[in-house]
Amino acid sequence: MNPQKNKGDKAEREAADVLSLETEYKVERRFGAGMENDKGDLVGIPNFAIQVADWQNKSAACLIKPREVEQQRINAGVDHAMTMVRFRGGNWRVVMTVEQFAKLIK
């Protein structure tokens, strides 16, 4: 199996567990992520498309993934999008564009 895919799958499982614990929603990996008409990596938080990134280059993940998840939000027909980026030690950060954040709080 592809080592990068294994790393990504592990990050998605970990992110789902973190969100489930912190939000009390049942968050799970979405099967079919990465395919045409991708709707995000995780499912379970209402009205959100969620992308997960565990890249070595965290700056690139923070710049690229929030733009990608915007298309996934449209594909999923939901109002909000967010990206979870994994840092060392299992530290996670939620990253959004300013437009995604503004839409969330309006």
PDB file of N, CA and C in Angstrom:
ATOM      1  N   MET A   1       0.848  -1.190   0.000  1.00  0.00           N
ATOM      2  CA  MET A   1       0.000   0.000   0.000  1.00  0.00           C
ATOM      3  C   MET A   1       0.885   1.242   0.000  1.00  0.00           C
ATOM      4  N   ASN A   2       0.341   2.319  -0.464  1.00  0.00           N
ATOM      5  CA  ASN A   2       1.037   3.590  -0.588  1.00  0.00           C
ATOM      6  C   ASN A   2       1.281   4.209   0.793  1.00  0.00           C
ATOM      7  N   PRO A   3       2.541   4.506   1.157  1.00  0.00           N
ATOM      8  CA  PRO A   3       2.833   5.080   2.478  1.00  0.00           C
ATOM      9  C   PRO A   3       2.141   6.434   2.715  1.00  0.00           C
ATOM     10  N   GLN A   4       2.025   7.259   1.664  1.00  0.00           N
ATOM     11  CA  GLN A   4       1.341   8.551   1.813  1.00  0.00           C
ATOM     12  C   GLN A   4      -0.141   8.353   2.091  1.00  0.00           C
ATOM     13  N   LYS A   5      -0.757   7.377   1.420  1.00  0.00           N
ATOM     14  CA  LYS A   5      -2.174   7.079   1.660  1.00  0.00           C
ATOM     15  C   LYS A   5      -2.368   6.575   3.083  1.00  0.00           C
ATOM     16  N   ASN A   6      -1.467   5.706   3.539  1.00  0.00           N
ATOM     17  CA  ASN A   6      -1.544   5.215   4.921  1.00  0.00           C
ATOM     18  C   ASN A   6      -1.468   6.373   5.911  1.00  0.00           C
ATOM     19  N   LYS A   7      -0.542   7.300   5.678  1.00  0.00           N
ATOM     20  CA  LYS A   7      -0.385   8.465   6.547  1.00  0.00           C
ATOM     21  C   LYS A   7      -1.660   9.310   6.540  1.00  0.00           C
ATOM     22  N   GLY A   8      -2.218   9.520   5.355  1.00  0.00           N
ATOM     23  CA  GLY A   8      -3.449  10.298   5.243  1.00  0.00           C
ATOM     24  C   GLY A   8      -4.628   9.623   5.919  1.00  0.00           C
ATOM     25  N   ASP A   9      -4.760   8.315   5.727  1.00  0.00           N
ATOM     26  CA  ASP A   9      -5.851   7.565   6.364  1.00  0.00           C
ATOM     27  C   ASP A   9      -5.748   7.641   7.886  1.00  0.00           C
ATOM     28  N   LYS A  10      -4.516   7.501   8.389  1.00  0.00           N
ATOM     29  CA  LYS A  10      -4.301   7.575   9.840  1.00  0.00           C
ATOM     30  C   LYS A  10      -4.667   8.961  10.362  1.00  0.00           C
ATOM     31  N   ALA A  11      -4.265  10.001   9.645  1.00  0.00           N
ATOM     32  CA  ALA A  11      -4.592  11.370  10.055  1.00  0.00           C
ATOM     33  C   ALA A  11      -6.102  11.592  10.052  1.00  0.00           C
ATOM     34  N   GLU A  12      -6.794  11.080   9.056  1.00  0.00           N
ATOM     35  CA  GLU A  12      -8.252  11.227   8.997  1.00  0.00           C
ATOM     36  C   GLU A  12      -8.925  10.531  10.180  1.00  0.00           C
ATOM     37  N   ARG A  13      -8.461   9.336  10.519  1.00  0.00           N
ATOM     38  CA  ARG A  13      -9.034   8.627  11.673  1.00  0.00           C
ATOM     39  C   ARG A  13      -8.790   9.418  12.959  1.00  0.00           C
ATOM     40  N   GLU A  14      -7.575   9.928  13.112  1.00  0.00           N
ATOM     41  CA  GLU A  14      -7.233  10.695  14.306  1.00  0.00           C
ATOM     42  C   GLU A  14      -8.055  11.990  14.380  1.00  0.00           C
ATOM     43  N   ALA A  15      -8.183  12.675  13.259  1.00  0.00           N
ATOM     44  CA  ALA A  15      -8.973  13.918  13.232  1.00  0.00           C
ATOM     45  C   ALA A  15     -10.435  13.637  13.566  1.00  0.00           C
ATOM     46  N   ALA A  16     -10.967  12.550  13.045  1.00  0.00           N
ATOM     47  CA  ALA A  16     -12.353  12.180  13.350  1.00  0.00           C
ATOM     48  C   ALA A  16     -12.522  11.927  14.849  1.00  0.00           C
ATOM     49  N   ASP A  17     -11.559  11.244  15.448  1.00  0.00           N
ATOM     50  CA  ASP A  17     -11.617  10.975  16.893  1.00  0.00           C
ATOM     51  C   ASP A  17     -11.551  12.273  17.704  1.00  0.00           C
ATOM     52  N   VAL A  18     -10.666  13.182  17.293  1.00  0.00           N
ATOM     53  CA  VAL A  18     -10.518  14.459  17.998  1.00  0.00           C
ATOM     54  C   VAL A  18     -11.818  15.257  17.920  1.00  0.00           C
ATOM     55  N   LEU A  19     -12.380  15.359  16.720  1.00  0.00           N
ATOM     56  CA  LEU A  19     -13.624  16.115  16.568  1.00  0.00           C
ATOM     57  C   LEU A  19     -14.781  15.459  17.322  1.00  0.00           C
ATOM     58  N   SER A  20     -14.845  14.139  17.290  1.00  0.00           N
ATOM     59  CA  SER A  20     -15.906  13.436  18.024  1.00  0.00           C
ATOM     60  C   SER A  20     -15.817  13.733  19.515  1.00  0.00           C
ATOM     61  N   LEU A  21     -14.612  13.696  20.046  1.00  0.00           N
ATOM     62  CA  LEU A  21     -14.405  13.954  21.469  1.00  0.00           C
ATOM     63  C   LEU A  21     -14.742  15.397  21.828  1.00  0.00           C
ATOM     64  N   GLU A  22     -14.267  16.333  21.036  1.00  0.00           N
ATOM     65  CA  GLU A  22     -14.418  17.747  21.368  1.00  0.00           C
ATOM     66  C   GLU A  22     -15.805  18.305  21.074  1.00  0.00           C
ATOM     67  N   THR A  23     -16.494  17.747  20.087  1.00  0.00           N
ATOM     68  CA  THR A  23     -17.799  18.300  19.691  1.00  0.00           C
ATOM     69  C   THR A  23     -18.985  17.472  20.148  1.00  0.00           C
ATOM     70  N   GLU A  24     -18.737  16.226  20.518  1.00  0.00           N
ATOM     71  CA  GLU A  24     -19.768  15.265  20.890  1.00  0.00           C
ATOM     72  C   GLU A  24     -20.639  14.838  19.706  1.00  0.00           C
ATOM     73  N   TYR A  25     -20.225  15.180  18.471  1.00  0.00           N
ATOM     74  CA  TYR A  25     -20.837  14.620  17.266  1.00  0.00           C
ATOM     75  C   TYR A  25     -20.092  13.335  16.929  1.00  0.00           C
ATOM     76  N   LYS A  26     -20.760  12.425  16.241  1.00  0.00           N
ATOM     77  CA  LYS A  26     -20.095  11.203  15.786  1.00  0.00           C
ATOM     78  C   LYS A  26     -19.478  11.500  14.414  1.00  0.00           C
ATOM     79  N   VAL A  27     -18.195  11.789  14.409  1.00  0.00           N
ATOM     80  CA  VAL A  27     -17.479  12.147  13.187  1.00  0.00           C
ATOM     81  C   VAL A  27     -16.742  10.915  12.674  1.00  0.00           C
ATOM     82  N   GLU A  28     -16.867  10.677  11.367  1.00  0.00           N
ATOM     83  CA  GLU A  28     -16.269   9.499  10.747  1.00  0.00           C
ATOM     84  C   GLU A  28     -15.621   9.879   9.426  1.00  0.00           C
ATOM     85  N   ARG A  29     -14.730   9.012   8.961  1.00  0.00           N
ATOM     86  CA  ARG A  29     -14.147   9.199   7.632  1.00  0.00           C
ATOM     87  C   ARG A  29     -15.230   8.992   6.585  1.00  0.00           C
ATOM     88  N   ARG A  30     -15.165   9.804   5.576  1.00  0.00           N
ATOM     89  CA  ARG A  30     -16.090   9.655   4.440  1.00  0.00           C
ATOM     90  C   ARG A  30     -15.381   8.796   3.402  1.00  0.00           C
ATOM     91  N   PHE A  31     -15.981   7.690   3.045  1.00  0.00           N
ATOM     92  CA  PHE A  31     -15.380   6.845   2.026  1.00  0.00           C
ATOM     93  C   PHE A  31     -15.648   7.452   0.661  1.00  0.00           C
ATOM     94  N   GLY A  32     -14.664   7.364  -0.194  1.00  0.00           N
ATOM     95  CA  GLY A  32     -14.755   7.981  -1.513  1.00  0.00           C
ATOM     96  C   GLY A  32     -14.105   9.341  -1.556  1.00  0.00           C
ATOM     97  N   ALA A  33     -13.506   9.779  -0.451  1.00  0.00           N
ATOM     98  CA  ALA A  33     -12.798  11.055  -0.452  1.00  0.00           C
ATOM     99  C   ALA A  33     -11.687  10.990  -1.482  1.00  0.00           C
ATOM    100  N   GLY A  34     -11.445  12.095  -2.156  1.00  0.00           N
ATOM    101  CA  GLY A  34     -10.408  12.156  -3.170  1.00  0.00           C
ATOM    102  C   GLY A  34     -10.893  11.774  -4.557  1.00  0.00           C
ATOM    103  N   MET A  35     -12.116  11.301  -4.663  1.00  0.00           N
ATOM    104  CA  MET A  35     -12.670  10.921  -5.955  1.00  0.00           C
ATOM    105  C   MET A  35     -13.352  12.128  -6.596  1.00  0.00           C
ATOM    106  N   GLU A  36     -13.778  11.949  -7.820  1.00  0.00           N
ATOM    107  CA  GLU A  36     -14.515  13.007  -8.511  1.00  0.00           C
ATOM    108  C   GLU A  36     -15.723  13.400  -7.664  1.00  0.00           C
ATOM    109  N   ASN A  37     -16.019  14.674  -7.626  1.00  0.00           N
ATOM    110  CA  ASN A  37     -17.105  15.212  -6.800  1.00  0.00           C
ATOM    111  C   ASN A  37     -16.873  14.953  -5.317  1.00  0.00           C
ATOM    112  N   ASP A  38     -15.614  14.989  -4.906  1.00  0.00           N
ATOM    113  CA  ASP A  38     -15.220  14.808  -3.499  1.00  0.00           C
ATOM    114  C   ASP A  38     -16.024  15.757  -2.615  1.00  0.00           C
ATOM    115  N   LYS A  39     -16.502  15.239  -1.487  1.00  0.00           N
ATOM    116  CA  LYS A  39     -17.302  16.024  -0.548  1.00  0.00           C
ATOM    117  C   LYS A  39     -16.595  16.215   0.786  1.00  0.00           C
ATOM    118  N   GLY A  40     -15.281  15.971   0.823  1.00  0.00           N
ATOM    119  CA  GLY A  40     -14.515  16.138   2.050  1.00  0.00           C
ATOM    120  C   GLY A  40     -14.080  14.806   2.620  1.00  0.00           C
ATOM    121  N   ASP A  41     -13.203  14.883   3.624  1.00  0.00           N
ATOM    122  CA  ASP A  41     -12.628  13.682   4.228  1.00  0.00           C
ATOM    123  C   ASP A  41     -13.467  13.123   5.371  1.00  0.00           C
ATOM    124  N   LEU A  42     -14.178  14.012   6.089  1.00  0.00           N
ATOM    125  CA  LEU A  42     -14.909  13.589   7.278  1.00  0.00           C
ATOM    126  C   LEU A  42     -16.372  13.986   7.163  1.00  0.00           C
ATOM    127  N   VAL A  43     -17.208  13.232   7.834  1.00  0.00           N
ATOM    128  CA  VAL A  43     -18.641  13.503   7.861  1.00  0.00           C
ATOM    129  C   VAL A  43     -19.114  13.384   9.308  1.00  0.00           C
ATOM    130  N   GLY A  44     -20.132  14.152   9.667  1.00  0.00           N
ATOM    131  CA  GLY A  44     -20.701  14.027  11.005  1.00  0.00           C
ATOM    132  C   GLY A  44     -20.990  15.351  11.681  1.00  0.00           C
ATOM    133  N   ILE A  45     -20.316  16.412  11.275  1.00  0.00           N
ATOM    134  CA  ILE A  45     -20.644  17.728  11.813  1.00  0.00           C
ATOM    135  C   ILE A  45     -21.610  18.366  10.831  1.00  0.00           C
ATOM    136  N   PRO A  46     -22.813  18.676  11.286  1.00  0.00           N
ATOM    137  CA  PRO A  46     -23.839  19.167  10.366  1.00  0.00           C
ATOM    138  C   PRO A  46     -23.402  20.406   9.596  1.00  0.00           C
ATOM    139  N   ASN A  47     -23.699  20.380   8.300  1.00  0.00           N
ATOM    140  CA  ASN A  47     -23.545  21.532   7.424  1.00  0.00           C
ATOM    141  C   ASN A  47     -22.078  21.923   7.184  1.00  0.00           C
ATOM    142  N   PHE A  48     -21.142  20.966   7.317  1.00  0.00           N
ATOM    143  CA  PHE A  48     -19.713  21.218   7.115  1.00  0.00           C
ATOM    144  C   PHE A  48     -19.098  20.201   6.165  1.00  0.00           C
ATOM    145  N   ALA A  49     -18.221  20.688   5.311  1.00  0.00           N
ATOM    146  CA  ALA A  49     -17.276  19.838   4.581  1.00  0.00           C
ATOM    147  C   ALA A  49     -15.946  19.982   5.311  1.00  0.00           C
ATOM    148  N   ILE A  50     -15.311  18.856   5.593  1.00  0.00           N
ATOM    149  CA  ILE A  50     -14.076  18.877   6.391  1.00  0.00           C
ATOM    150  C   ILE A  50     -12.966  18.164   5.639  1.00  0.00           C
ATOM    151  N   GLN A  51     -11.866  18.874   5.473  1.00  0.00           N
ATOM    152  CA  GLN A  51     -10.665  18.340   4.821  1.00  0.00           C
ATOM    153  C   GLN A  51      -9.594  18.140   5.894  1.00  0.00           C
ATOM    154  N   VAL A  52      -8.801  17.086   5.775  1.00  0.00           N
ATOM    155  CA  VAL A  52      -7.734  16.792   6.733  1.00  0.00           C
ATOM    156  C   VAL A  52      -6.392  16.825   6.006  1.00  0.00           C
ATOM    157  N   ALA A  53      -5.385  17.436   6.638  1.00  0.00           N
ATOM    158  CA  ALA A  53      -4.049  17.491   6.046  1.00  0.00           C
ATOM    159  C   ALA A  53      -2.996  17.172   7.101  1.00  0.00           C
ATOM    160  N   ASP A  54      -2.119  16.243   6.768  1.00  0.00           N
ATOM    161  CA  ASP A  54      -0.958  15.933   7.601  1.00  0.00           C
ATOM    162  C   ASP A  54       0.262  15.997   6.694  1.00  0.00           C
ATOM    163  N   TRP A  55       0.581  17.206   6.283  1.00  0.00           N
ATOM    164  CA  TRP A  55       1.682  17.439   5.359  1.00  0.00           C
ATOM    165  C   TRP A  55       2.923  17.830   6.123  1.00  0.00           C
ATOM    166  N   GLN A  56       4.066  17.511   5.561  1.00  0.00           N
ATOM    167  CA  GLN A  56       5.321  17.953   6.156  1.00  0.00           C
ATOM    168  C   GLN A  56       5.405  19.478   6.116  1.00  0.00           C
ATOM    169  N   ASN A  57       4.983  20.068   5.003  1.00  0.00           N
ATOM    170  CA  ASN A  57       4.990  21.518   4.855  1.00  0.00           C
ATOM    171  C   ASN A  57       3.652  22.068   5.359  1.00  0.00           C
ATOM    172  N   LYS A  58       3.626  22.475   6.604  1.00  0.00           N
ATOM    173  CA  LYS A  58       2.379  22.947   7.236  1.00  0.00           C
ATOM    174  C   LYS A  58       1.880  24.237   6.601  1.00  0.00           C
ATOM    175  N   SER A  59       2.792  25.115   6.204  1.00  0.00           N
ATOM    176  CA  SER A  59       2.378  26.369   5.557  1.00  0.00           C
ATOM    177  C   SER A  59       1.626  26.085   4.268  1.00  0.00           C
ATOM    178  N   ALA A  60       2.142  25.151   3.477  1.00  0.00           N
ATOM    179  CA  ALA A  60       1.469  24.787   2.229  1.00  0.00           C
ATOM    180  C   ALA A  60       0.096  24.193   2.511  1.00  0.00           C
ATOM    181  N   ALA A  61       0.003  23.331   3.510  1.00  0.00           N
ATOM    182  CA  ALA A  61      -1.291  22.748   3.870  1.00  0.00           C
ATOM    183  C   ALA A  61      -2.289  23.831   4.262  1.00  0.00           C
ATOM    184  N   CYS A  62      -1.826  24.806   5.026  1.00  0.00           N
ATOM    185  CA  CYS A  62      -2.706  25.890   5.493  1.00  0.00           C
ATOM    186  C   CYS A  62      -3.140  26.804   4.353  1.00  0.00           C
ATOM    187  N   LEU A  63      -2.351  26.890   3.303  1.00  0.00           N
ATOM    188  CA  LEU A  63      -2.708  27.729   2.157  1.00  0.00           C
ATOM    189  C   LEU A  63      -3.551  26.987   1.122  1.00  0.00           C
ATOM    190  N   ILE A  64      -3.200  25.751   0.839  1.00  0.00           N
ATOM    191  CA  ILE A  64      -3.827  25.010  -0.257  1.00  0.00           C
ATOM    192  C   ILE A  64      -5.128  24.335   0.147  1.00  0.00           C
ATOM    193  N   LYS A  65      -5.128  23.631   1.263  1.00  0.00           N
ATOM    194  CA  LYS A  65      -6.291  22.817   1.635  1.00  0.00           C
ATOM    195  C   LYS A  65      -7.576  23.625   1.874  1.00  0.00           C
ATOM    196  N   PRO A  66      -7.526  24.795   2.499  1.00  0.00           N
ATOM    197  CA  PRO A  66      -8.776  25.550   2.654  1.00  0.00           C
ATOM    198  C   PRO A  66      -9.401  25.952   1.312  1.00  0.00           C
ATOM    199  N   ARG A  67      -8.584  26.188   0.299  1.00  0.00           N
ATOM    200  CA  ARG A  67      -9.139  26.483  -1.031  1.00  0.00           C
ATOM    201  C   ARG A  67      -9.753  25.223  -1.647  1.00  0.00           C
ATOM    202  N   GLU A  68      -9.099  24.088  -1.466  1.00  0.00           N
ATOM    203  CA  GLU A  68      -9.626  22.831  -2.013  1.00  0.00           C
ATOM    204  C   GLU A  68     -10.946  22.441  -1.356  1.00  0.00           C
ATOM    205  N   VAL A  69     -11.047  22.611  -0.051  1.00  0.00           N
ATOM    206  CA  VAL A  69     -12.259  22.197   0.651  1.00  0.00           C
ATOM    207  C   VAL A  69     -13.451  23.065   0.251  1.00  0.00           C
ATOM    208  N   GLU A  70     -13.196  24.232  -0.296  1.00  0.00           N
ATOM    209  CA  GLU A  70     -14.300  25.078  -0.761  1.00  0.00           C
ATOM    210  C   GLU A  70     -15.062  24.390  -1.890  1.00  0.00           C
ATOM    211  N   GLN A  71     -14.345  23.755  -2.813  1.00  0.00           N
ATOM    212  CA  GLN A  71     -15.026  23.004  -3.869  1.00  0.00           C
ATOM    213  C   GLN A  71     -15.756  21.797  -3.284  1.00  0.00           C
ATOM    214  N   GLN A  72     -15.176  21.170  -2.290  1.00  0.00           N
ATOM    215  CA  GLN A  72     -15.826  20.026  -1.648  1.00  0.00           C
ATOM    216  C   GLN A  72     -17.113  20.466  -0.939  1.00  0.00           C
ATOM    217  N   ARG A  73     -17.089  21.660  -0.365  1.00  0.00           N
ATOM    218  CA  ARG A  73     -18.288  22.221   0.272  1.00  0.00           C
ATOM    219  C   ARG A  73     -19.405  22.355  -0.764  1.00  0.00           C
ATOM    220  N   ILE A  74     -19.067  22.875  -1.915  1.00  0.00           N
ATOM    221  CA  ILE A  74     -20.056  23.025  -2.983  1.00  0.00           C
ATOM    222  C   ILE A  74     -20.569  21.656  -3.414  1.00  0.00           C
ATOM    223  N   ASN A  75     -19.661  20.698  -3.602  1.00  0.00           N
ATOM    224  CA  ASN A  75     -20.051  19.337  -3.998  1.00  0.00           C
ATOM    225  C   ASN A  75     -20.997  18.708  -2.979  1.00  0.00           C
ATOM    226  N   ALA A  76     -20.751  18.977  -1.695  1.00  0.00           N
ATOM    227  CA  ALA A  76     -21.561  18.380  -0.626  1.00  0.00           C
ATOM    228  C   ALA A  76     -22.879  19.124  -0.416  1.00  0.00           C
ATOM    229  N   GLY A  77     -22.995  20.319  -0.965  1.00  0.00           N
ATOM    230  CA  GLY A  77     -24.221  21.098  -0.795  1.00  0.00           C
ATOM    231  C   GLY A  77     -24.396  21.604   0.627  1.00  0.00           C
ATOM    232  N   VAL A  78     -23.283  21.928   1.287  1.00  0.00           N
ATOM    233  CA  VAL A  78     -23.346  22.432   2.664  1.00  0.00           C
ATOM    234  C   VAL A  78     -22.865  23.884   2.695  1.00  0.00           C
ATOM    235  N   ASP A  79     -23.084  24.535   3.820  1.00  0.00           N
ATOM    236  CA  ASP A  79     -22.770  25.962   3.928  1.00  0.00           C
ATOM    237  C   ASP A  79     -21.346  26.262   4.378  1.00  0.00           C
ATOM    238  N   HIS A  80     -20.713  25.353   5.094  1.00  0.00           N
ATOM    239  CA  HIS A  80     -19.439  25.678   5.728  1.00  0.00           C
ATOM    240  C   HIS A  80     -18.340  24.672   5.375  1.00  0.00           C
ATOM    241  N   ALA A  81     -17.095  25.171   5.431  1.00  0.00           N
ATOM    242  CA  ALA A  81     -15.926  24.345   5.120  1.00  0.00           C
ATOM    243  C   ALA A  81     -14.822  24.652   6.113  1.00  0.00           C
ATOM    244  N   MET A  82     -14.069  23.633   6.456  1.00  0.00           N
ATOM    245  CA  MET A  82     -12.912  23.817   7.330  1.00  0.00           C
ATOM    246  C   MET A  82     -11.862  22.767   7.003  1.00  0.00           C
ATOM    247  N   THR A  83     -10.637  23.094   7.343  1.00  0.00           N
ATOM    248  CA  THR A  83      -9.526  22.176   7.160  1.00  0.00           C
ATOM    249  C   THR A  83      -8.881  21.930   8.512  1.00  0.00           C
ATOM    250  N   MET A  84      -8.581  20.675   8.797  1.00  0.00           N
ATOM    251  CA  MET A  84      -7.836  20.328  10.005  1.00  0.00           C
ATOM    252  C   MET A  84      -6.410  19.982   9.589  1.00  0.00           C
ATOM    253  N   VAL A  85      -5.446  20.674  10.173  1.00  0.00           N
ATOM    254  CA  VAL A  85      -4.037  20.447   9.872  1.00  0.00           C
ATOM    255  C   VAL A  85      -3.369  19.878  11.117  1.00  0.00           C
ATOM    256  N   ARG A  86      -2.669  18.761  10.918  1.00  0.00           N
ATOM    257  CA  ARG A  86      -1.987  18.089  12.030  1.00  0.00           C
ATOM    258  C   ARG A  86      -0.571  18.626  12.165  1.00  0.00           C
ATOM    259  N   PHE A  87      -0.228  19.024  13.389  1.00  0.00           N
ATOM    260  CA  PHE A  87       1.124  19.471  13.714  1.00  0.00           C
ATOM    261  C   PHE A  87       1.767  18.412  14.608  1.00  0.00           C
ATOM    262  N   ARG A  88       3.024  18.603  14.956  1.00  0.00           N
ATOM    263  CA  ARG A  88       3.747  17.636  15.790  1.00  0.00           C
ATOM    264  C   ARG A  88       3.025  17.365  17.096  1.00  0.00           C
ATOM    265  N   GLY A  89       3.207  16.154  17.567  1.00  0.00           N
ATOM    266  CA  GLY A  89       2.657  15.780  18.863  1.00  0.00           C
ATOM    267  C   GLY A  89       1.155  15.615  18.875  1.00  0.00           C
ATOM    268  N   GLY A  90       0.556  15.434  17.698  1.00  0.00           N
ATOM    269  CA  GLY A  90      -0.885  15.259  17.646  1.00  0.00           C
ATOM    270  C   GLY A  90      -1.657  16.545  17.884  1.00  0.00           C
ATOM    271  N   ASN A  91      -1.006  17.670  17.698  1.00  0.00           N
ATOM    272  CA  ASN A  91      -1.682  18.961  17.827  1.00  0.00           C
ATOM    273  C   ASN A  91      -2.399  19.279  16.525  1.00  0.00           C
ATOM    274  N   TRP A  92      -3.663  19.614  16.624  1.00  0.00           N
ATOM    275  CA  TRP A  92      -4.484  19.919  15.456  1.00  0.00           C
ATOM    276  C   TRP A  92      -4.880  21.381  15.469  1.00  0.00           C
ATOM    277  N   ARG A  93      -4.994  21.950  14.286  1.00  0.00           N
ATOM    278  CA  ARG A  93      -5.493  23.305  14.126  1.00  0.00           C
ATOM    279  C   ARG A  93      -6.547  23.307  13.038  1.00  0.00           C
ATOM    280  N   VAL A  94      -7.603  24.090  13.256  1.00  0.00           N
ATOM    281  CA  VAL A  94      -8.630  24.296  12.243  1.00  0.00           C
ATOM    282  C   VAL A  94      -8.236  25.540  11.458  1.00  0.00           C
ATOM    283  N   VAL A  95      -8.223  25.405  10.139  1.00  0.00           N
ATOM    284  CA  VAL A  95      -7.813  26.492   9.266  1.00  0.00           C
ATOM    285  C   VAL A  95      -8.953  26.797   8.294  1.00  0.00           C
ATOM    286  N   MET A  96      -9.240  28.081   8.155  1.00  0.00           N
ATOM    287  CA  MET A  96     -10.271  28.540   7.219  1.00  0.00           C
ATOM    288  C   MET A  96      -9.754  29.771   6.497  1.00  0.00           C
ATOM    289  N   THR A  97     -10.310  30.023   5.312  1.00  0.00           N
ATOM    290  CA  THR A  97     -10.061  31.308   4.679  1.00  0.00           C
ATOM    291  C   THR A  97     -10.867  32.357   5.445  1.00  0.00           C
ATOM    292  N   VAL A  98     -10.538  33.604   5.242  1.00  0.00           N
ATOM    293  CA  VAL A  98     -11.310  34.675   5.880  1.00  0.00           C
ATOM    294  C   VAL A  98     -12.764  34.604   5.418  1.00  0.00           C
ATOM    295  N   GLU A  99     -12.978  34.294   4.152  1.00  0.00           N
ATOM    296  CA  GLU A  99     -14.347  34.202   3.628  1.00  0.00           C
ATOM    297  C   GLU A  99     -15.113  33.053   4.293  1.00  0.00           C
ATOM    298  N   GLN A 100     -14.455  31.916   4.501  1.00  0.00           N
ATOM    299  CA  GLN A 100     -15.114  30.788   5.174  1.00  0.00           C
ATOM    300  C   GLN A 100     -15.465  31.156   6.608  1.00  0.00           C
ATOM    301  N   PHE A 101     -14.557  31.837   7.288  1.00  0.00           N
ATOM    302  CA  PHE A 101     -14.821  32.246   8.662  1.00  0.00           C
ATOM    303  C   PHE A 101     -15.963  33.268   8.722  1.00  0.00           C
ATOM    304  N   ALA A 102     -15.953  34.242   7.826  1.00  0.00           N
ATOM    305  CA  ALA A 102     -17.018  35.259   7.803  1.00  0.00           C
ATOM    306  C   ALA A 102     -18.371  34.617   7.568  1.00  0.00           C
ATOM    307  N   LYS A 103     -18.424  33.651   6.653  1.00  0.00           N
ATOM    308  CA  LYS A 103     -19.693  32.954   6.371  1.00  0.00           C
ATOM    309  C   LYS A 103     -20.176  32.198   7.607  1.00  0.00           C
ATOM    310  N   LEU A 104     -19.256  31.631   8.362  1.00  0.00           N
ATOM    311  CA  LEU A 104     -19.603  30.882   9.569  1.00  0.00           C
ATOM    312  C   LEU A 104     -20.227  31.782  10.629  1.00  0.00           C
ATOM    313  N   ILE A 105     -19.665  32.962  10.826  1.00  0.00           N
ATOM    314  CA  ILE A 105     -20.150  33.798  11.924  1.00  0.00           C
ATOM    315  C   ILE A 105     -21.331  34.680  11.554  1.00  0.00           C
ATOM    316  N   LYS A 106     -21.629  34.807  10.266  1.00  0.00           N
ATOM    317  CA  LYS A 106     -22.781  35.640   9.857  1.00  0.00           C
ATOM    318  C   LYS A 106     -24.086  34.925  10.122  1.00  0.00           C
TER     319      LYS A 106
END
